[in-house]
């Protein structure tokens, strides 16, 4: 089983310190795809396509995965999971890290932020003009595997609460982010038992 650590959108790196090492130590080796080209429209489609190609490059065909999305890649998790299923790569679980939740239909990022209590967060520096208003891909049958949420930033407390209301496993390390890597590895293990 491979744990795919999907970075936030717009060229941001996966930023959870020690996550790769902790996952490796627990026998859940990570793959770290790079998505360097989602800064032009259509942003979401470019991210999903590039992330899927990278997973195909990094993970052996048929190898089961757990997809971990940080930040703005969270709402794209269903589309990335659908691409993995199409490639005959089983997805055993999904984890969101300080991320908005995927939403049914084809919402915009602005819709998701408003619906999940994140509309007070500032836009990221250098964010393209249409980034918040483009429609995200629809995935009607998501989630198709167990889900979890890792909260390290209190600004994402409402999406974490919504995840808990959906019955997802939620881990809260807002008081001590140094424990986040160990909690992520434990959460991946719990989802794949």
N, C-alpha and C. Protein backbone atom coordinates (compact mmCIF):
# COMPACT_ATOMS: atom_id res chain seq x y z
N UNK A 1 0.84 -1.18 0.00
CA UNK A 1 0.00 0.00 0.00
C UNK A 1 0.89 1.24 0.00
N UNK A 2 0.54 2.19 -0.84
CA UNK A 2 1.28 3.45 -0.98
C UNK A 2 0.39 4.59 -0.51
N UNK A 3 0.96 5.50 0.26
CA UNK A 3 0.24 6.70 0.68
C UNK A 3 0.67 7.85 -0.23
N UNK A 4 -0.27 8.38 -0.97
CA UNK A 4 0.02 9.47 -1.90
C UNK A 4 -0.27 10.79 -1.19
N UNK A 5 0.78 11.61 -1.04
CA UNK A 5 0.66 12.90 -0.36
C UNK A 5 0.47 14.00 -1.41
N UNK A 6 -0.78 14.34 -1.67
CA UNK A 6 -1.11 15.34 -2.68
C UNK A 6 -0.88 16.74 -2.13
N UNK A 7 -0.08 17.54 -2.82
CA UNK A 7 0.19 18.89 -2.32
C UNK A 7 -1.00 19.81 -2.54
N UNK A 8 -1.01 20.95 -1.85
CA UNK A 8 -2.03 21.95 -2.16
C UNK A 8 -1.89 22.40 -3.61
N UNK A 9 -2.87 23.07 -4.10
CA UNK A 9 -2.86 23.55 -5.48
C UNK A 9 -1.90 24.72 -5.65
N UNK A 10 -1.76 25.16 -6.88
CA UNK A 10 -0.97 26.34 -7.26
C UNK A 10 0.49 26.25 -6.81
N UNK A 11 1.08 25.08 -7.06
CA UNK A 11 2.52 24.85 -6.87
C UNK A 11 2.99 24.85 -5.42
N UNK A 12 2.09 24.82 -4.49
CA UNK A 12 2.50 24.77 -3.08
C UNK A 12 2.97 23.34 -2.77
N UNK A 13 4.01 23.19 -1.94
CA UNK A 13 4.47 21.85 -1.58
C UNK A 13 3.63 21.25 -0.46
N UNK A 14 3.64 19.92 -0.36
CA UNK A 14 3.03 19.25 0.79
C UNK A 14 3.85 19.69 2.00
N UNK A 15 3.19 20.19 3.04
CA UNK A 15 3.95 20.88 4.09
C UNK A 15 3.90 20.26 5.48
N UNK A 16 3.39 19.06 5.61
CA UNK A 16 3.31 18.46 6.94
C UNK A 16 4.68 17.90 7.31
N UNK A 17 5.40 18.54 8.24
CA UNK A 17 6.76 18.12 8.55
C UNK A 17 6.82 16.68 9.07
N UNK A 18 7.76 15.92 8.51
CA UNK A 18 8.00 14.56 8.99
C UNK A 18 7.02 13.52 8.53
N UNK A 19 6.04 13.89 7.70
CA UNK A 19 5.01 12.93 7.28
C UNK A 19 5.60 11.78 6.49
N UNK A 20 6.46 12.07 5.53
CA UNK A 20 7.04 11.01 4.70
C UNK A 20 7.84 10.02 5.56
N UNK A 21 8.62 10.54 6.48
CA UNK A 21 9.44 9.68 7.34
C UNK A 21 8.58 8.82 8.26
N UNK A 22 7.56 9.42 8.83
CA UNK A 22 6.67 8.68 9.74
C UNK A 22 5.91 7.59 9.00
N UNK A 23 5.42 7.89 7.82
CA UNK A 23 4.71 6.89 7.03
C UNK A 23 5.63 5.75 6.63
N UNK A 24 6.85 6.08 6.23
CA UNK A 24 7.83 5.05 5.87
C UNK A 24 8.13 4.16 7.05
N UNK A 25 8.32 4.76 8.22
CA UNK A 25 8.63 4.00 9.43
C UNK A 25 7.51 3.03 9.79
N UNK A 26 6.29 3.36 9.43
CA UNK A 26 5.14 2.50 9.74
C UNK A 26 4.75 1.57 8.59
N UNK A 27 5.62 1.45 7.61
CA UNK A 27 5.37 0.53 6.51
C UNK A 27 4.33 1.00 5.51
N UNK A 28 4.11 2.30 5.43
CA UNK A 28 3.16 2.88 4.49
C UNK A 28 3.88 3.93 3.65
N UNK A 29 4.79 3.46 2.77
CA UNK A 29 5.65 4.39 2.06
C UNK A 29 4.87 5.44 1.27
N UNK A 30 5.38 6.67 1.28
CA UNK A 30 4.67 7.74 0.58
C UNK A 30 5.16 7.93 -0.86
N UNK A 31 4.28 8.45 -1.66
CA UNK A 31 4.62 8.97 -2.99
C UNK A 31 4.28 10.45 -2.93
N UNK A 32 5.17 11.27 -3.46
CA UNK A 32 5.01 12.72 -3.40
C UNK A 32 4.91 13.29 -4.81
N UNK A 33 3.70 13.29 -5.38
CA UNK A 33 3.55 13.85 -6.73
C UNK A 33 3.80 15.35 -6.75
N UNK A 34 4.30 15.82 -7.86
CA UNK A 34 4.49 17.26 -8.07
C UNK A 34 3.48 17.72 -9.09
N UNK A 35 2.85 18.86 -8.80
CA UNK A 35 1.85 19.41 -9.72
C UNK A 35 2.27 20.86 -10.02
N UNK A 36 3.16 21.03 -11.01
CA UNK A 36 3.73 22.36 -11.24
C UNK A 36 2.96 23.24 -12.22
N UNK A 37 1.85 22.75 -12.77
CA UNK A 37 1.26 23.50 -13.88
C UNK A 37 -0.24 23.73 -13.77
N UNK A 38 -0.74 23.91 -12.55
CA UNK A 38 -2.17 24.17 -12.40
C UNK A 38 -2.47 25.65 -12.19
N UNK A 39 -1.53 26.51 -12.54
CA UNK A 39 -1.72 27.94 -12.31
C UNK A 39 -2.35 28.67 -13.50
N UNK A 40 -2.75 27.91 -14.54
CA UNK A 40 -3.51 28.50 -15.64
C UNK A 40 -4.83 27.72 -15.78
N UNK A 41 -5.88 28.38 -16.25
CA UNK A 41 -7.18 27.72 -16.37
C UNK A 41 -7.13 26.57 -17.37
N UNK A 42 -7.91 25.57 -17.21
CA UNK A 42 -8.76 25.27 -16.06
C UNK A 42 -7.94 24.66 -14.92
N UNK A 43 -7.85 25.37 -13.83
CA UNK A 43 -6.97 25.02 -12.71
C UNK A 43 -7.27 23.63 -12.16
N UNK A 44 -8.53 23.37 -11.84
CA UNK A 44 -8.90 22.09 -11.22
C UNK A 44 -8.64 20.92 -12.16
N UNK A 45 -9.03 21.05 -13.41
CA UNK A 45 -8.81 19.97 -14.38
C UNK A 45 -7.32 19.71 -14.58
N UNK A 46 -6.54 20.77 -14.63
CA UNK A 46 -5.08 20.60 -14.77
C UNK A 46 -4.51 19.88 -13.55
N UNK A 47 -4.97 20.27 -12.36
CA UNK A 47 -4.45 19.64 -11.14
C UNK A 47 -4.79 18.15 -11.14
N UNK A 48 -6.05 17.82 -11.42
CA UNK A 48 -6.47 16.41 -11.41
C UNK A 48 -5.69 15.61 -12.44
N UNK A 49 -5.54 16.15 -13.64
CA UNK A 49 -4.82 15.43 -14.69
C UNK A 49 -3.35 15.23 -14.32
N UNK A 50 -2.69 16.29 -13.88
CA UNK A 50 -1.26 16.17 -13.53
C UNK A 50 -1.06 15.26 -12.33
N UNK A 51 -1.87 15.41 -11.30
CA UNK A 51 -1.74 14.54 -10.13
C UNK A 51 -1.94 13.08 -10.52
N UNK A 52 -2.90 12.82 -11.38
CA UNK A 52 -3.16 11.44 -11.83
C UNK A 52 -1.99 10.89 -12.63
N UNK A 53 -1.42 11.70 -13.51
CA UNK A 53 -0.24 11.26 -14.27
C UNK A 53 0.94 10.99 -13.33
N UNK A 54 1.12 11.85 -12.36
CA UNK A 54 2.21 11.67 -11.40
C UNK A 54 2.02 10.40 -10.57
N UNK A 55 0.79 10.15 -10.14
CA UNK A 55 0.53 8.93 -9.38
C UNK A 55 0.83 7.72 -10.25
N UNK A 56 0.44 7.78 -11.51
CA UNK A 56 0.72 6.69 -12.44
C UNK A 56 2.22 6.48 -12.60
N UNK A 57 2.99 7.57 -12.60
CA UNK A 57 4.44 7.49 -12.73
C UNK A 57 5.09 6.93 -11.46
N UNK A 58 4.57 7.30 -10.29
CA UNK A 58 5.21 6.97 -9.02
C UNK A 58 4.74 5.66 -8.38
N UNK A 59 3.55 5.21 -8.73
CA UNK A 59 2.94 4.07 -8.05
C UNK A 59 2.71 2.95 -9.07
N UNK A 60 3.14 1.76 -8.72
CA UNK A 60 2.99 0.61 -9.63
C UNK A 60 1.53 0.36 -9.95
N UNK A 61 1.28 -0.08 -11.17
CA UNK A 61 -0.08 -0.40 -11.60
C UNK A 61 -0.69 -1.43 -10.66
N UNK A 62 -1.92 -1.18 -10.26
CA UNK A 62 -2.64 -2.10 -9.39
C UNK A 62 -2.31 -1.98 -7.92
N UNK A 63 -1.31 -1.17 -7.56
CA UNK A 63 -0.95 -1.02 -6.14
C UNK A 63 -2.02 -0.22 -5.42
N UNK A 64 -2.52 -0.72 -4.31
CA UNK A 64 -3.52 0.04 -3.56
C UNK A 64 -2.92 1.30 -2.95
N UNK A 65 -3.75 2.34 -2.87
CA UNK A 65 -3.27 3.62 -2.36
C UNK A 65 -4.23 4.19 -1.32
N UNK A 66 -3.69 5.10 -0.54
CA UNK A 66 -4.49 6.01 0.28
C UNK A 66 -4.12 7.39 -0.23
N UNK A 67 -5.12 8.19 -0.57
CA UNK A 67 -4.89 9.54 -1.07
C UNK A 67 -5.04 10.54 0.07
N UNK A 68 -4.00 11.34 0.28
CA UNK A 68 -3.99 12.36 1.32
C UNK A 68 -3.90 13.71 0.62
N UNK A 69 -4.88 14.58 0.85
CA UNK A 69 -4.91 15.89 0.20
C UNK A 69 -4.77 16.99 1.24
N UNK A 70 -3.88 17.92 0.96
CA UNK A 70 -3.68 19.06 1.85
C UNK A 70 -4.21 20.34 1.20
N UNK A 71 -4.86 21.17 1.99
CA UNK A 71 -5.30 22.47 1.51
C UNK A 71 -6.31 22.39 0.38
N UNK A 72 -6.13 23.26 -0.61
CA UNK A 72 -7.11 23.39 -1.70
C UNK A 72 -7.18 22.17 -2.62
N UNK A 73 -6.33 21.17 -2.43
CA UNK A 73 -6.48 19.95 -3.23
C UNK A 73 -7.61 19.08 -2.66
N UNK A 74 -8.06 19.36 -1.44
CA UNK A 74 -9.12 18.58 -0.81
C UNK A 74 -10.38 18.43 -1.63
N UNK A 75 -10.93 19.51 -2.18
CA UNK A 75 -12.16 19.37 -2.96
C UNK A 75 -11.99 18.56 -4.25
N UNK A 76 -10.74 18.30 -4.65
CA UNK A 76 -10.48 17.54 -5.88
C UNK A 76 -10.24 16.06 -5.61
N UNK A 77 -10.31 15.67 -4.36
CA UNK A 77 -10.00 14.29 -3.98
C UNK A 77 -10.89 13.27 -4.67
N UNK A 78 -12.17 13.56 -4.81
CA UNK A 78 -13.07 12.63 -5.48
C UNK A 78 -12.69 12.41 -6.93
N UNK A 79 -12.33 13.48 -7.63
CA UNK A 79 -11.95 13.37 -9.04
C UNK A 79 -10.64 12.60 -9.20
N UNK A 80 -9.71 12.83 -8.29
CA UNK A 80 -8.45 12.10 -8.35
C UNK A 80 -8.68 10.63 -8.03
N UNK A 81 -9.54 10.35 -7.07
CA UNK A 81 -9.89 8.97 -6.76
C UNK A 81 -10.55 8.27 -7.94
N UNK A 82 -11.43 8.98 -8.64
CA UNK A 82 -12.10 8.40 -9.81
C UNK A 82 -11.08 8.07 -10.90
N UNK A 83 -10.07 8.93 -11.05
CA UNK A 83 -9.02 8.66 -12.04
C UNK A 83 -8.21 7.42 -11.65
N UNK A 84 -8.01 7.22 -10.35
CA UNK A 84 -7.29 6.03 -9.90
C UNK A 84 -8.11 4.77 -10.17
N UNK A 85 -9.38 4.84 -9.91
CA UNK A 85 -10.25 3.68 -10.20
C UNK A 85 -10.23 3.36 -11.70
N UNK A 86 -10.25 4.42 -12.53
CA UNK A 86 -10.21 4.20 -13.97
C UNK A 86 -8.89 3.55 -14.40
N UNK A 87 -7.82 3.81 -13.65
CA UNK A 87 -6.51 3.21 -13.94
C UNK A 87 -6.35 1.86 -13.25
N UNK A 88 -7.43 1.34 -12.67
CA UNK A 88 -7.43 0.04 -11.97
C UNK A 88 -6.45 0.03 -10.79
N UNK A 89 -6.36 1.17 -10.10
CA UNK A 89 -5.54 1.28 -8.90
C UNK A 89 -6.51 1.48 -7.74
N UNK A 90 -6.67 0.48 -6.87
CA UNK A 90 -7.65 0.61 -5.78
C UNK A 90 -7.27 1.71 -4.78
N UNK A 91 -8.27 2.49 -4.40
CA UNK A 91 -8.09 3.50 -3.35
C UNK A 91 -8.71 2.93 -2.08
N UNK A 92 -7.87 2.76 -1.06
CA UNK A 92 -8.31 2.16 0.20
C UNK A 92 -8.85 3.19 1.18
N UNK A 93 -8.50 4.46 0.98
CA UNK A 93 -8.96 5.50 1.90
C UNK A 93 -8.54 6.88 1.42
N UNK A 94 -9.17 7.87 2.05
CA UNK A 94 -8.90 9.28 1.76
C UNK A 94 -8.69 10.01 3.07
N UNK A 95 -7.72 10.93 3.07
CA UNK A 95 -7.49 11.79 4.23
C UNK A 95 -7.36 13.22 3.74
N UNK A 96 -8.05 14.12 4.42
CA UNK A 96 -7.90 15.54 4.15
C UNK A 96 -7.13 16.16 5.31
N UNK A 97 -6.19 17.03 4.98
CA UNK A 97 -5.38 17.73 5.97
C UNK A 97 -5.64 19.22 5.81
N UNK A 98 -6.28 19.82 6.81
CA UNK A 98 -6.58 21.26 6.77
C UNK A 98 -7.09 21.65 5.38
N UNK A 99 -8.18 21.01 4.99
CA UNK A 99 -8.69 21.19 3.63
C UNK A 99 -10.21 21.33 3.63
N UNK A 100 -10.73 22.08 2.66
CA UNK A 100 -12.18 22.06 2.45
C UNK A 100 -12.59 20.67 1.97
N UNK A 101 -13.80 20.26 2.32
CA UNK A 101 -14.31 18.96 1.92
C UNK A 101 -14.82 19.00 0.48
N UNK A 102 -14.70 17.89 -0.24
CA UNK A 102 -15.37 17.81 -1.54
C UNK A 102 -16.87 17.99 -1.33
N UNK A 103 -17.53 18.53 -2.32
CA UNK A 103 -18.96 18.81 -2.22
C UNK A 103 -19.65 18.27 -3.46
N UNK A 104 -20.86 17.74 -3.34
CA UNK A 104 -21.57 17.22 -4.51
C UNK A 104 -21.81 18.30 -5.55
N UNK A 105 -22.02 17.87 -6.78
CA UNK A 105 -22.30 18.81 -7.86
C UNK A 105 -21.02 19.38 -8.42
N UNK A 106 -21.10 20.57 -8.98
CA UNK A 106 -19.95 21.26 -9.55
C UNK A 106 -19.81 22.64 -8.91
N UNK A 107 -19.53 22.68 -7.61
CA UNK A 107 -19.42 23.98 -6.96
C UNK A 107 -18.12 24.69 -7.37
N UNK A 108 -18.05 25.96 -7.06
CA UNK A 108 -16.79 26.69 -7.22
C UNK A 108 -16.07 26.64 -5.87
N UNK A 109 -14.81 27.03 -5.88
CA UNK A 109 -14.08 27.11 -4.60
C UNK A 109 -14.73 28.17 -3.69
N UNK A 110 -15.24 29.24 -4.29
CA UNK A 110 -15.92 30.27 -3.50
C UNK A 110 -17.17 29.69 -2.83
N UNK A 111 -17.93 28.85 -3.57
CA UNK A 111 -19.11 28.20 -2.98
C UNK A 111 -18.71 27.32 -1.80
N UNK A 112 -17.68 26.52 -2.00
CA UNK A 112 -17.23 25.61 -0.94
C UNK A 112 -16.77 26.40 0.27
N UNK A 113 -16.00 27.46 0.06
CA UNK A 113 -15.53 28.28 1.18
C UNK A 113 -16.70 28.87 1.96
N UNK A 114 -17.69 29.37 1.23
CA UNK A 114 -18.87 29.97 1.87
C UNK A 114 -19.66 28.91 2.64
N UNK A 115 -19.86 27.74 2.03
CA UNK A 115 -20.65 26.67 2.66
C UNK A 115 -19.95 26.01 3.85
N UNK A 116 -18.63 26.09 3.88
CA UNK A 116 -17.89 25.41 4.94
C UNK A 116 -17.24 26.38 5.93
N UNK A 117 -17.71 27.62 5.93
CA UNK A 117 -17.24 28.59 6.92
C UNK A 117 -15.81 29.03 6.73
N UNK A 118 -15.32 29.00 5.49
CA UNK A 118 -13.94 29.38 5.21
C UNK A 118 -13.84 30.68 4.42
N UNK A 119 -14.97 31.36 4.23
CA UNK A 119 -14.95 32.56 3.39
C UNK A 119 -14.20 33.71 4.04
N UNK A 120 -13.83 33.61 5.30
CA UNK A 120 -13.04 34.66 5.95
C UNK A 120 -11.55 34.48 5.74
N UNK A 121 -11.13 33.34 5.18
CA UNK A 121 -9.70 33.12 4.94
C UNK A 121 -9.25 33.97 3.76
N UNK A 122 -8.07 34.56 3.85
CA UNK A 122 -7.60 35.38 2.72
C UNK A 122 -7.22 34.51 1.53
N UNK A 123 -7.32 35.09 0.33
CA UNK A 123 -6.84 34.40 -0.87
C UNK A 123 -5.33 34.24 -0.75
N UNK A 124 -4.81 33.20 -1.38
CA UNK A 124 -3.38 32.97 -1.36
C UNK A 124 -2.68 33.99 -2.24
N UNK A 125 -1.48 34.37 -1.88
CA UNK A 125 -0.71 35.33 -2.66
C UNK A 125 -0.49 34.78 -4.07
N UNK A 126 -0.74 35.61 -5.07
CA UNK A 126 -0.54 35.21 -6.45
C UNK A 126 -1.65 34.34 -7.02
N UNK A 127 -2.77 34.24 -6.31
CA UNK A 127 -3.87 33.40 -6.77
C UNK A 127 -4.47 33.97 -8.06
N UNK A 128 -4.58 33.15 -9.12
CA UNK A 128 -5.15 33.64 -10.38
C UNK A 128 -6.59 34.13 -10.21
N UNK A 129 -7.00 35.05 -11.05
CA UNK A 129 -8.30 35.70 -10.93
C UNK A 129 -9.47 34.71 -10.95
N UNK A 130 -9.50 33.77 -11.86
CA UNK A 130 -10.65 32.86 -12.00
C UNK A 130 -10.57 31.62 -11.12
N UNK A 131 -9.53 31.52 -10.31
CA UNK A 131 -9.30 30.32 -9.51
C UNK A 131 -10.48 29.99 -8.59
N UNK A 132 -11.03 30.97 -7.91
CA UNK A 132 -12.12 30.75 -6.95
C UNK A 132 -13.49 30.59 -7.61
N UNK A 133 -13.60 30.98 -8.88
CA UNK A 133 -14.93 30.98 -9.50
C UNK A 133 -15.12 29.89 -10.56
N UNK A 134 -14.09 29.12 -10.88
CA UNK A 134 -14.29 28.04 -11.86
C UNK A 134 -15.03 26.88 -11.20
N UNK A 135 -15.78 26.15 -11.99
CA UNK A 135 -16.53 24.98 -11.52
C UNK A 135 -15.57 23.81 -11.34
N UNK A 136 -15.69 23.12 -10.23
CA UNK A 136 -14.85 21.95 -9.96
C UNK A 136 -15.50 20.70 -10.55
N UNK A 137 -14.71 19.67 -10.84
CA UNK A 137 -15.26 18.45 -11.42
C UNK A 137 -16.27 17.78 -10.49
N UNK A 138 -17.32 17.26 -11.07
CA UNK A 138 -18.35 16.55 -10.30
C UNK A 138 -18.00 15.06 -10.23
N UNK A 139 -18.14 14.48 -9.04
CA UNK A 139 -17.93 13.05 -8.85
C UNK A 139 -19.08 12.55 -7.98
N UNK A 140 -20.14 12.02 -8.60
CA UNK A 140 -21.35 11.70 -7.86
C UNK A 140 -21.23 10.53 -6.89
N UNK A 141 -20.28 9.62 -7.08
CA UNK A 141 -20.23 8.44 -6.24
C UNK A 141 -19.14 8.50 -5.16
N UNK A 142 -18.66 9.68 -4.84
CA UNK A 142 -17.61 9.81 -3.83
C UNK A 142 -18.24 10.07 -2.48
N UNK A 143 -17.76 9.56 -1.37
CA UNK A 143 -16.57 8.73 -1.24
C UNK A 143 -16.86 7.25 -1.46
N UNK A 144 -15.89 6.58 -2.01
CA UNK A 144 -16.00 5.16 -2.30
C UNK A 144 -15.09 4.33 -1.39
N UNK A 145 -14.51 4.98 -0.38
CA UNK A 145 -13.62 4.32 0.58
C UNK A 145 -13.70 5.11 1.89
N UNK A 146 -13.21 4.54 2.99
CA UNK A 146 -13.25 5.27 4.26
C UNK A 146 -12.47 6.59 4.19
N UNK A 147 -12.95 7.57 4.95
CA UNK A 147 -12.35 8.91 4.93
C UNK A 147 -11.95 9.35 6.34
N UNK A 148 -10.94 10.21 6.39
CA UNK A 148 -10.51 10.80 7.64
C UNK A 148 -10.11 12.24 7.43
N UNK A 149 -9.96 12.94 8.55
CA UNK A 149 -9.61 14.36 8.50
C UNK A 149 -8.57 14.63 9.59
N UNK A 150 -7.48 15.30 9.21
CA UNK A 150 -6.46 15.70 10.16
C UNK A 150 -6.48 17.22 10.26
N UNK A 151 -6.78 17.71 11.46
CA UNK A 151 -6.87 19.15 11.71
C UNK A 151 -5.62 19.62 12.45
N UNK A 152 -4.85 20.51 11.80
CA UNK A 152 -3.69 21.10 12.46
C UNK A 152 -3.84 22.61 12.60
N UNK A 153 -4.71 23.20 11.77
CA UNK A 153 -4.92 24.65 11.75
C UNK A 153 -6.35 24.94 12.20
N UNK A 154 -6.52 25.68 13.30
CA UNK A 154 -7.87 25.94 13.80
C UNK A 154 -8.78 26.66 12.80
N UNK A 155 -8.23 27.29 11.77
CA UNK A 155 -9.06 27.95 10.76
C UNK A 155 -9.93 26.93 10.01
N UNK A 156 -9.55 25.64 10.06
CA UNK A 156 -10.30 24.60 9.36
C UNK A 156 -11.14 23.76 10.32
N UNK A 157 -11.45 24.32 11.47
CA UNK A 157 -12.25 23.58 12.46
C UNK A 157 -13.64 23.24 11.93
N UNK A 158 -14.25 24.14 11.15
CA UNK A 158 -15.60 23.84 10.66
C UNK A 158 -15.61 22.69 9.65
N UNK A 159 -14.72 22.65 8.65
CA UNK A 159 -14.69 21.47 7.78
C UNK A 159 -14.40 20.18 8.57
N UNK A 160 -13.54 20.26 9.59
CA UNK A 160 -13.27 19.08 10.41
C UNK A 160 -14.54 18.64 11.14
N UNK A 161 -15.30 19.60 11.63
CA UNK A 161 -16.57 19.29 12.29
C UNK A 161 -17.55 18.63 11.31
N UNK A 162 -17.61 19.17 10.09
CA UNK A 162 -18.48 18.58 9.06
C UNK A 162 -18.04 17.15 8.74
N UNK A 163 -16.73 16.92 8.71
CA UNK A 163 -16.22 15.57 8.46
C UNK A 163 -16.67 14.63 9.57
N UNK A 164 -16.60 15.08 10.81
CA UNK A 164 -17.06 14.27 11.94
C UNK A 164 -18.55 13.96 11.85
N UNK A 165 -19.33 14.95 11.39
CA UNK A 165 -20.77 14.73 11.23
C UNK A 165 -21.06 13.69 10.14
N UNK A 166 -20.15 13.54 9.19
CA UNK A 166 -20.30 12.53 8.14
C UNK A 166 -19.86 11.14 8.62
N UNK A 167 -19.37 11.08 9.84
CA UNK A 167 -18.91 9.80 10.38
C UNK A 167 -17.45 9.50 10.08
N UNK A 168 -16.71 10.47 9.58
CA UNK A 168 -15.30 10.28 9.29
C UNK A 168 -14.50 10.29 10.59
N UNK A 169 -13.35 9.65 10.58
CA UNK A 169 -12.42 9.70 11.70
C UNK A 169 -11.73 11.06 11.64
N UNK A 170 -11.78 11.81 12.74
CA UNK A 170 -11.16 13.14 12.79
C UNK A 170 -10.11 13.15 13.88
N UNK A 171 -8.91 13.59 13.53
CA UNK A 171 -7.82 13.76 14.50
C UNK A 171 -7.50 15.25 14.59
N UNK A 172 -7.45 15.77 15.81
CA UNK A 172 -7.22 17.19 16.05
C UNK A 172 -5.89 17.36 16.77
N UNK A 173 -4.93 17.97 16.09
CA UNK A 173 -3.63 18.25 16.70
C UNK A 173 -3.34 19.76 16.66
N UNK A 174 -4.38 20.57 16.78
CA UNK A 174 -4.19 22.02 16.72
C UNK A 174 -3.35 22.51 17.89
N UNK A 175 -3.34 21.81 18.99
CA UNK A 175 -2.53 22.24 20.13
C UNK A 175 -1.06 21.90 20.00
N UNK A 176 -0.71 20.93 19.14
CA UNK A 176 0.68 20.50 19.02
C UNK A 176 0.92 19.92 17.63
N UNK A 177 1.25 20.79 16.67
CA UNK A 177 1.45 20.35 15.29
C UNK A 177 2.61 19.37 15.15
N UNK A 178 3.50 19.33 16.15
CA UNK A 178 4.63 18.39 16.07
C UNK A 178 4.15 16.93 16.09
N UNK A 179 2.92 16.70 16.54
CA UNK A 179 2.36 15.35 16.56
C UNK A 179 1.61 15.00 15.27
N UNK A 180 1.52 15.95 14.34
CA UNK A 180 0.69 15.77 13.15
C UNK A 180 1.15 14.61 12.27
N UNK A 181 2.45 14.44 12.07
CA UNK A 181 2.93 13.36 11.20
C UNK A 181 2.56 12.00 11.78
N UNK A 182 2.75 11.84 13.09
CA UNK A 182 2.39 10.57 13.74
C UNK A 182 0.89 10.34 13.67
N UNK A 183 0.10 11.38 13.85
CA UNK A 183 -1.36 11.25 13.77
C UNK A 183 -1.81 10.91 12.35
N UNK A 184 -1.14 11.49 11.34
CA UNK A 184 -1.48 11.15 9.97
C UNK A 184 -1.22 9.66 9.71
N UNK A 185 -0.05 9.18 10.13
CA UNK A 185 0.28 7.77 9.91
C UNK A 185 -0.69 6.87 10.65
N UNK A 186 -1.07 7.24 11.87
CA UNK A 186 -2.04 6.45 12.62
C UNK A 186 -3.41 6.45 11.94
N UNK A 187 -3.80 7.60 11.41
CA UNK A 187 -5.08 7.72 10.72
C UNK A 187 -5.10 6.86 9.45
N UNK A 188 -4.03 6.89 8.68
CA UNK A 188 -3.94 6.04 7.49
C UNK A 188 -4.05 4.57 7.89
N UNK A 189 -3.37 4.20 8.98
CA UNK A 189 -3.46 2.82 9.45
C UNK A 189 -4.87 2.43 9.87
N UNK A 190 -5.55 3.34 10.55
CA UNK A 190 -6.90 3.07 11.00
C UNK A 190 -7.87 2.90 9.84
N UNK A 191 -7.70 3.70 8.80
CA UNK A 191 -8.60 3.64 7.65
C UNK A 191 -8.39 2.37 6.82
N UNK A 192 -7.21 1.79 6.89
CA UNK A 192 -6.89 0.65 6.03
C UNK A 192 -6.85 -0.68 6.77
N UNK A 193 -7.36 -0.72 7.99
CA UNK A 193 -7.40 -1.99 8.74
C UNK A 193 -8.29 -2.99 8.07
